[in-house]
Structures are given as C-alpha cells and as structure tokens.
Amino acid sequence: MTARASIIPFRPRPRRAEKLISNGVLGMLLFVFVEVMLFAGFISAFVIIKSRAVGSVWPPPNQPRLPFEQTAVNTSALIASGIVLLIAHRLYQRGKESVGVLLALATVLGGVFVWLQGVEWVALIREGLTLTSSNYGALFYTIIGAHAAHAVVAICVLAWAWVRMMRGRLSREAMSTVSLFWYFVVLVWPFLYFQVYL
C-alpha cells in the first residue's frame, strides 16, 4: 500500500445549526396560537348571537348592564402588569439579574385584575346575570371566565418564575416562556373588553 493511497482527504464536520428558538418558547407559541383560535371562536359566536338578538336589542332588556367603566380600571391594571413584565423580561435577557421586584409587581398587578374581576362578578350575579339567565349571561361567563382561568394560571406561573429567580435558578428561556404566556393574557383582553363590554 502506497503512502499516497493511505491519505484520507480532510472533510470538515458540518456545523450544528444553532437553535433560533428554544423548545419552551416554541411550545408556548404553539399553545398561544391554539388559544387565540379558541378566543376567536368565542368572539365569533358572541358576534353572531348578538346580531340575531330579538329586535336588535342587546343586551336583553331584563339583564343588568356590564360595568364597562369599572372594568376599564381592571384593564389598566392588567396592561400595566404587561408593561412591567416586558421591562423585566428585556432587562433579564440582557443579563440583569435584579428584576425580581419588577416580576413581583407584574404578578401583583395581574392579581389585582383578577380580584377586581371577581368583585365585578359577585355584583353581577346579585343583579341577576348568571350562566342560565340568558344567552348574554352564558356568553359573558364563558368568554370572560375562560380569560380569567388563563389569567389565574398565568399568575401562578409568574409566581413560580419569581421564586426560581430569587433562588437564582430561572433561565432566560424559562423567563421568555413565562412572559409569552402573560403577554397573551394581556393582549387578548382588550379585544374581549371591546367586544363584550362595549
């Protein structure tokens, strides 16, 4: 065997493609996409039923009106929470670890939103708006209740992220995943508010 025959040509190993997006963020994006479709279905049903109301009277005459002014206050707490989280998220991605106060504030503001919504629901139930009182009540509690359920779960996830951050165990990918969920809860709300309350 000649020396020439024993030489193996150099072939560089192909470089591994770097991940553009983490698995957690991708999973949350897919989840958010599905949830957007869910709420789009809810809003479509609401618009169709509202357009077919007897005599074009909506809400029905015997049902209480939704407190859109009070809910505007709730809405401002939720939007403020989203803005605070956005600031915390960006700072954390840049390597600033001391954003625990901002994350806690975003969580508390989200909790204020849910609590005020609960107070509103108690008042509406006392006034006679229930799941079985009319299509109006059924749609209201289904749509707004679904959002409230998402908000409660997202607040629990934000609290989990805060605990992990305080222990120095929150990765940037986890922060992005948690933040995406809360951004969805915050951004879908104005559409629900304008369609259902106004």
Protein backbone atom coordinates (compact mmCIF):
# COMPACT_ATOMS: atom_id res chain seq x y z
CA MET A 1 0.00 0.00 0.00
CA THR A 2 1.49 3.29 -1.03
CA ALA A 3 1.64 6.32 1.23
CA ARG A 4 -0.50 8.19 -1.25
CA ALA A 5 -3.33 5.63 -1.05
CA SER A 6 -3.45 5.79 2.74
CA ILE A 7 -4.16 9.52 2.85
CA ILE A 8 -7.80 10.27 3.65
CA PRO A 9 -8.95 13.62 2.39
CA PHE A 10 -9.93 16.11 5.11
CA ARG A 11 -13.65 16.73 5.29
CA PRO A 12 -14.74 19.30 7.86
CA ARG A 13 -17.58 18.25 10.11
CA PRO A 14 -20.81 20.01 9.37
CA ARG A 15 -21.56 22.65 11.97
CA ARG A 16 -24.63 22.11 14.07
CA ALA A 17 -27.28 24.63 13.34
CA GLU A 18 -27.86 26.89 16.32
CA LYS A 19 -31.37 26.90 17.69
CA LEU A 20 -33.19 30.05 16.76
CA ILE A 21 -35.85 29.37 19.37
CA SER A 22 -35.89 27.23 22.50
CA ASN A 23 -38.23 24.27 22.89
CA GLY A 24 -40.12 26.01 25.72
CA VAL A 25 -40.72 29.17 23.71
CA LEU A 26 -41.75 27.19 20.64
CA GLY A 27 -44.17 25.11 22.72
CA MET A 28 -45.65 28.25 24.26
CA LEU A 29 -46.02 29.89 20.83
CA LEU A 30 -47.95 26.85 19.61
CA PHE A 31 -50.11 26.89 22.74
CA VAL A 32 -50.81 30.61 22.33
CA PHE A 33 -51.76 30.07 18.69
CA VAL A 34 -54.31 27.43 19.72
CA GLU A 35 -55.67 29.71 22.46
CA VAL A 36 -56.01 32.61 20.02
CA MET A 37 -58.17 30.33 17.86
CA LEU A 38 -60.26 29.44 20.93
CA PHE A 39 -60.95 33.08 21.77
CA ALA A 40 -61.56 33.91 18.11
CA GLY A 41 -64.26 31.22 18.15
CA PHE A 42 -65.77 32.70 21.32
CA ILE A 43 -65.86 36.19 19.82
CA SER A 44 -67.36 34.89 16.57
CA ALA A 45 -70.13 33.14 18.50
CA PHE A 46 -70.74 36.29 20.53
CA VAL A 47 -70.98 38.50 17.44
CA ILE A 48 -73.35 36.07 15.67
CA ILE A 49 -75.68 35.68 18.67
CA LYS A 50 -75.63 39.43 19.32
CA SER A 51 -76.53 40.16 15.67
CA ARG A 52 -79.54 37.82 15.91
CA ALA A 53 -80.90 39.32 19.12
CA VAL A 54 -84.68 39.80 19.13
CA GLY A 55 -85.49 43.30 17.91
CA SER A 56 -81.74 44.03 17.70
CA VAL A 57 -81.82 44.79 21.43
CA TRP A 58 -78.56 43.83 23.12
CA PRO A 59 -78.09 43.21 25.96
CA PRO A 60 -81.56 41.82 26.67
CA PRO A 61 -83.79 44.34 28.48
CA ASN A 62 -84.18 42.25 31.65
CA GLN A 63 -80.43 41.77 32.18
CA PRO A 64 -78.01 44.08 34.02
CA ARG A 65 -75.54 46.12 32.02
CA LEU A 66 -71.86 45.32 32.29
CA PRO A 67 -69.83 47.88 34.28
CA PHE A 68 -67.53 48.95 31.47
CA GLU A 69 -66.17 51.96 33.43
CA GLN A 70 -65.18 49.81 36.41
CA THR A 71 -63.71 47.21 34.08
CA ALA A 72 -61.61 49.94 32.45
CA VAL A 73 -59.80 50.25 35.81
CA ASN A 74 -59.24 46.48 35.85
CA THR A 75 -57.97 46.71 32.29
CA SER A 76 -55.44 49.40 33.20
CA ALA A 77 -54.05 47.16 35.98
CA LEU A 78 -53.67 44.29 33.52
CA ILE A 79 -51.99 46.43 30.85
CA ALA A 80 -49.66 47.96 33.46
CA SER A 81 -48.74 44.42 34.51
CA GLY A 82 -47.88 43.54 30.91
CA ILE A 83 -45.70 46.64 30.52
CA VAL A 84 -43.85 45.95 33.79
CA LEU A 85 -43.23 42.35 32.74
CA LEU A 86 -41.98 43.48 29.33
CA ILE A 87 -39.41 45.73 31.03
CA ALA A 88 -38.39 42.94 33.42
CA HIS A 89 -38.14 40.45 30.57
CA ARG A 90 -35.91 42.69 28.46
CA LEU A 91 -33.63 43.51 31.38
CA TYR A 92 -33.34 39.83 32.30
CA GLN A 93 -32.46 38.88 28.72
CA ARG A 94 -29.66 41.46 28.84
CA GLY A 95 -28.16 39.74 31.86
CA LYS A 96 -29.52 41.94 34.64
CA GLU A 97 -30.47 39.51 37.37
CA SER A 98 -32.04 42.05 39.75
CA VAL A 99 -35.51 42.27 38.23
CA GLY A 100 -37.30 40.34 40.99
CA VAL A 101 -39.16 43.45 42.16
CA LEU A 102 -40.48 44.09 38.64
CA LEU A 103 -41.55 40.47 38.23
CA ALA A 104 -43.30 40.58 41.62
CA LEU A 105 -45.02 43.86 40.67
CA ALA A 106 -46.26 42.37 37.38
CA THR A 107 -47.64 39.39 39.31
CA VAL A 108 -49.37 41.57 41.91
CA LEU A 109 -50.95 43.79 39.23
CA GLY A 110 -52.24 40.67 37.50
CA GLY A 111 -53.68 39.52 40.82
CA VAL A 112 -55.39 42.91 41.26
CA PHE A 113 -57.00 42.48 37.84
CA VAL A 114 -58.35 39.02 38.71
CA TRP A 115 -59.54 40.15 42.15
CA LEU A 116 -61.42 43.16 40.70
CA GLN A 117 -62.99 40.89 38.09
CA GLY A 118 -64.15 38.62 40.91
CA VAL A 119 -65.72 41.58 42.74
CA GLU A 120 -67.47 42.54 39.49
CA TRP A 121 -68.81 39.01 39.01
CA VAL A 122 -70.25 38.88 42.53
CA ALA A 123 -72.11 42.16 41.89
CA LEU A 124 -73.42 40.94 38.52
CA ILE A 125 -74.66 37.66 39.98
CA ARG A 126 -76.51 39.60 42.70
CA GLU A 127 -78.12 41.68 39.96
CA GLY A 128 -79.34 38.53 38.21
CA LEU A 129 -76.75 37.91 35.50
CA THR A 130 -75.97 34.20 35.65
CA LEU A 131 -74.96 31.43 33.26
CA THR A 132 -78.61 30.40 32.94
CA SER A 133 -80.28 33.83 32.93
CA SER A 134 -79.86 34.36 29.16
CA ASN A 135 -77.53 33.87 26.19
CA TYR A 136 -76.00 37.16 27.29
CA GLY A 137 -75.06 35.74 30.70
CA ALA A 138 -73.90 32.42 29.26
CA LEU A 139 -71.64 34.12 26.72
CA PHE A 140 -70.29 36.60 29.25
CA TYR A 141 -69.30 34.00 31.82
CA THR A 142 -67.94 31.57 29.23
CA ILE A 143 -65.75 34.12 27.41
CA ILE A 144 -64.65 36.22 30.37
CA GLY A 145 -64.42 33.14 32.58
CA ALA A 146 -62.09 31.43 30.11
CA HIS A 147 -59.88 34.51 30.16
CA ALA A 148 -59.98 34.61 33.98
CA ALA A 149 -58.91 30.95 34.11
CA HIS A 150 -55.96 31.71 31.82
CA ALA A 151 -55.07 34.75 33.97
CA VAL A 152 -55.09 32.72 37.20
CA VAL A 153 -52.87 30.01 35.70
CA ALA A 154 -50.52 32.64 34.26
CA ILE A 155 -50.29 34.43 37.63
CA CYS A 156 -49.32 31.12 39.26
CA VAL A 157 -46.65 30.64 36.57
CA LEU A 158 -45.36 34.20 37.14
CA ALA A 159 -45.15 33.47 40.88
CA TRP A 160 -43.25 30.25 40.10
CA ALA A 161 -40.83 32.24 37.91
CA TRP A 162 -40.32 34.78 40.70
CA VAL A 163 -39.46 32.03 43.20
CA ARG A 164 -36.99 30.49 40.71
CA MET A 165 -35.47 33.90 40.05
CA MET A 166 -35.00 34.58 43.77
CA ARG A 167 -33.16 31.25 44.05
CA GLY A 168 -31.01 32.06 41.02
CA ARG A 169 -32.46 29.18 39.01
CA LEU A 170 -34.56 30.92 36.37
CA SER A 171 -33.11 30.50 32.89
CA ARG A 172 -33.58 33.13 30.21
CA GLU A 173 -35.56 30.60 28.16
CA ALA A 174 -37.93 29.96 31.06
CA MET A 175 -38.39 33.71 31.56
CA SER A 176 -39.25 34.07 27.87
CA THR A 177 -41.71 31.18 28.00
CA VAL A 178 -43.49 32.54 31.08
CA SER A 179 -43.53 36.05 29.64
CA LEU A 180 -45.11 34.86 26.37
CA PHE A 181 -48.00 33.32 28.29
CA TRP A 182 -48.64 36.52 30.22
CA TYR A 183 -48.35 38.68 27.07
CA PHE A 184 -51.08 36.54 25.53
CA VAL A 185 -53.34 37.03 28.57
CA VAL A 186 -52.72 40.79 28.48
CA LEU A 187 -53.07 41.28 24.72
CA VAL A 188 -56.23 39.21 24.21
CA TRP A 189 -58.08 41.13 26.92
CA PRO A 190 -58.65 44.46 25.05
CA PHE A 191 -60.35 42.53 22.22
CA LEU A 192 -62.64 40.81 24.72
CA TYR A 193 -63.31 44.05 26.56
CA PHE A 194 -64.31 45.98 23.45
CA GLN A 195 -66.45 43.15 22.07
CA VAL A 196 -68.21 42.02 25.23
CA TYR A 197 -68.39 45.13 27.42
CA LEU A 198 -68.95 47.93 24.90
